[in-house]
Amino acid sequence: MTYKNKQTEVFFEYRDDYNMLQKKTMLLDGILNAFQAEDILINQYGFKIEKVYEPSKRVYS
């Protein structure tokens, strides 16, 4: 994950409807850690999360 303009760019792996492993990047509002991002991806977007990568320390403005 990287941070841009008070948004967190989240890199994660998930299982799609056919149980295939997919990789995806999304921008979520707020400065989040991996646990918060995983919770949002599961509860709001309905992803079957395999792994959320830890945030890097790079902050962009």
C-alpha atoms as a PDB file:
ATOM      1  CA  MET A   1       0.000   0.000   0.000  1.00  0.00           C
ATOM      2  CA  THR A   2       1.087   3.549  -0.608  1.00  0.00           C
ATOM      3  CA  TYR A   3      -0.514   6.764   0.533  1.00  0.00           C
ATOM      4  CA  LYS A   4      -1.654   9.516  -1.877  1.00  0.00           C
ATOM      5  CA  ASN A   5      -3.679  12.627  -0.956  1.00  0.00           C
ATOM      6  CA  LYS A   6      -5.153  11.124   2.224  1.00  0.00           C
ATOM      7  CA  GLN A   7      -6.040   7.970   0.336  1.00  0.00           C
ATOM      8  CA  THR A   8      -4.437   4.572   0.685  1.00  0.00           C
ATOM      9  CA  GLU A   9      -3.493   2.660  -2.446  1.00  0.00           C
ATOM     10  CA  VAL A  10      -4.126  -0.962  -1.428  1.00  0.00           C
ATOM     11  CA  PHE A  11      -2.512  -3.958  -3.141  1.00  0.00           C
ATOM     12  CA  PHE A  12      -4.271  -7.241  -2.373  1.00  0.00           C
ATOM     13  CA  GLU A  13      -5.006 -10.768  -3.565  1.00  0.00           C
ATOM     14  CA  TYR A  14      -8.525 -12.186  -3.567  1.00  0.00           C
ATOM     15  CA  ARG A  15     -10.584 -15.108  -4.871  1.00  0.00           C
ATOM     16  CA  ASP A  16     -13.136 -14.339  -7.597  1.00  0.00           C
ATOM     17  CA  ASP A  17     -16.486 -16.086  -8.193  1.00  0.00           C
ATOM     18  CA  TYR A  18     -14.677 -18.966  -9.941  1.00  0.00           C
ATOM     19  CA  ASN A  19     -12.228 -19.383  -6.998  1.00  0.00           C
ATOM     20  CA  MET A  20      -9.346 -18.057  -9.128  1.00  0.00           C
ATOM     21  CA  LEU A  21      -6.647 -16.046  -7.354  1.00  0.00           C
ATOM     22  CA  GLN A  22      -6.626 -12.448  -8.621  1.00  0.00           C
ATOM     23  CA  LYS A  23      -4.473  -9.407  -7.796  1.00  0.00           C
ATOM     24  CA  LYS A  24      -5.954  -5.943  -7.596  1.00  0.00           C
ATOM     25  CA  THR A  25      -5.112  -2.379  -6.608  1.00  0.00           C
ATOM     26  CA  MET A  26      -7.706   0.040  -5.203  1.00  0.00           C
ATOM     27  CA  LEU A  27      -7.688   3.517  -3.692  1.00  0.00           C
ATOM     28  CA  LEU A  28      -9.482   3.736  -0.340  1.00  0.00           C
ATOM     29  CA  ASP A  29     -10.182   6.990   1.519  1.00  0.00           C
ATOM     30  CA  GLY A  30      -8.097   7.645   4.622  1.00  0.00           C
ATOM     31  CA  ILE A  31      -4.691   6.571   5.875  1.00  0.00           C
ATOM     32  CA  LEU A  32      -5.211   2.873   6.635  1.00  0.00           C
ATOM     33  CA  ASN A  33      -3.150  -0.054   7.823  1.00  0.00           C
ATOM     34  CA  ALA A  34      -3.498  -3.551   6.359  1.00  0.00           C
ATOM     35  CA  PHE A  35      -6.076  -4.722   8.933  1.00  0.00           C
ATOM     36  CA  GLN A  36      -8.332  -1.712   8.381  1.00  0.00           C
ATOM     37  CA  ALA A  37      -8.038  -2.044   4.598  1.00  0.00           C
ATOM     38  CA  GLU A  38      -8.858  -5.761   4.736  1.00  0.00           C
ATOM     39  CA  ASP A  39     -11.942  -5.054   6.870  1.00  0.00           C
ATOM     40  CA  ILE A  40     -13.198  -2.440   4.374  1.00  0.00           C
ATOM     41  CA  LEU A  41     -12.541  -4.696   1.367  1.00  0.00           C
ATOM     42  CA  ILE A  42     -14.453  -7.592   2.949  1.00  0.00           C
ATOM     43  CA  ASN A  43     -17.389  -5.703   4.473  1.00  0.00           C
ATOM     44  CA  GLN A  44     -17.998  -2.908   1.942  1.00  0.00           C
ATOM     45  CA  TYR A  45     -16.843  -4.478  -1.316  1.00  0.00           C
ATOM     46  CA  GLY A  46     -17.437  -8.189  -0.621  1.00  0.00           C
ATOM     47  CA  PHE A  47     -14.003  -9.476  -1.680  1.00  0.00           C
ATOM     48  CA  LYS A  48     -12.805 -12.910  -0.506  1.00  0.00           C
ATOM     49  CA  ILE A  49      -9.395 -11.681   0.649  1.00  0.00           C
ATOM     50  CA  GLU A  50      -6.333 -13.929   0.564  1.00  0.00           C
ATOM     51  CA  LYS A  51      -3.691 -11.317   1.407  1.00  0.00           C
ATOM     52  CA  VAL A  52      -3.406  -7.558   1.859  1.00  0.00           C
ATOM     53  CA  TYR A  53       0.143  -6.293   1.505  1.00  0.00           C
ATOM     54  CA  GLU A  54       1.553  -4.137   4.301  1.00  0.00           C
ATOM     55  CA  PRO A  55       1.731  -0.406   3.578  1.00  0.00           C
ATOM     56  CA  SER A  56       4.986   1.101   2.470  1.00  0.00           C
ATOM     57  CA  LYS A  57       6.228   4.199   4.223  1.00  0.00           C
ATOM     58  CA  ARG A  58       6.002   6.352   1.082  1.00  0.00           C
ATOM     59  CA  VAL A  59       3.564   9.241   1.434  1.00  0.00           C
ATOM     60  CA  TYR A  60       2.678  11.317  -1.625  1.00  0.00           C
ATOM     61  CA  SER A  61       1.057  14.734  -1.505  1.00  0.00           C
END
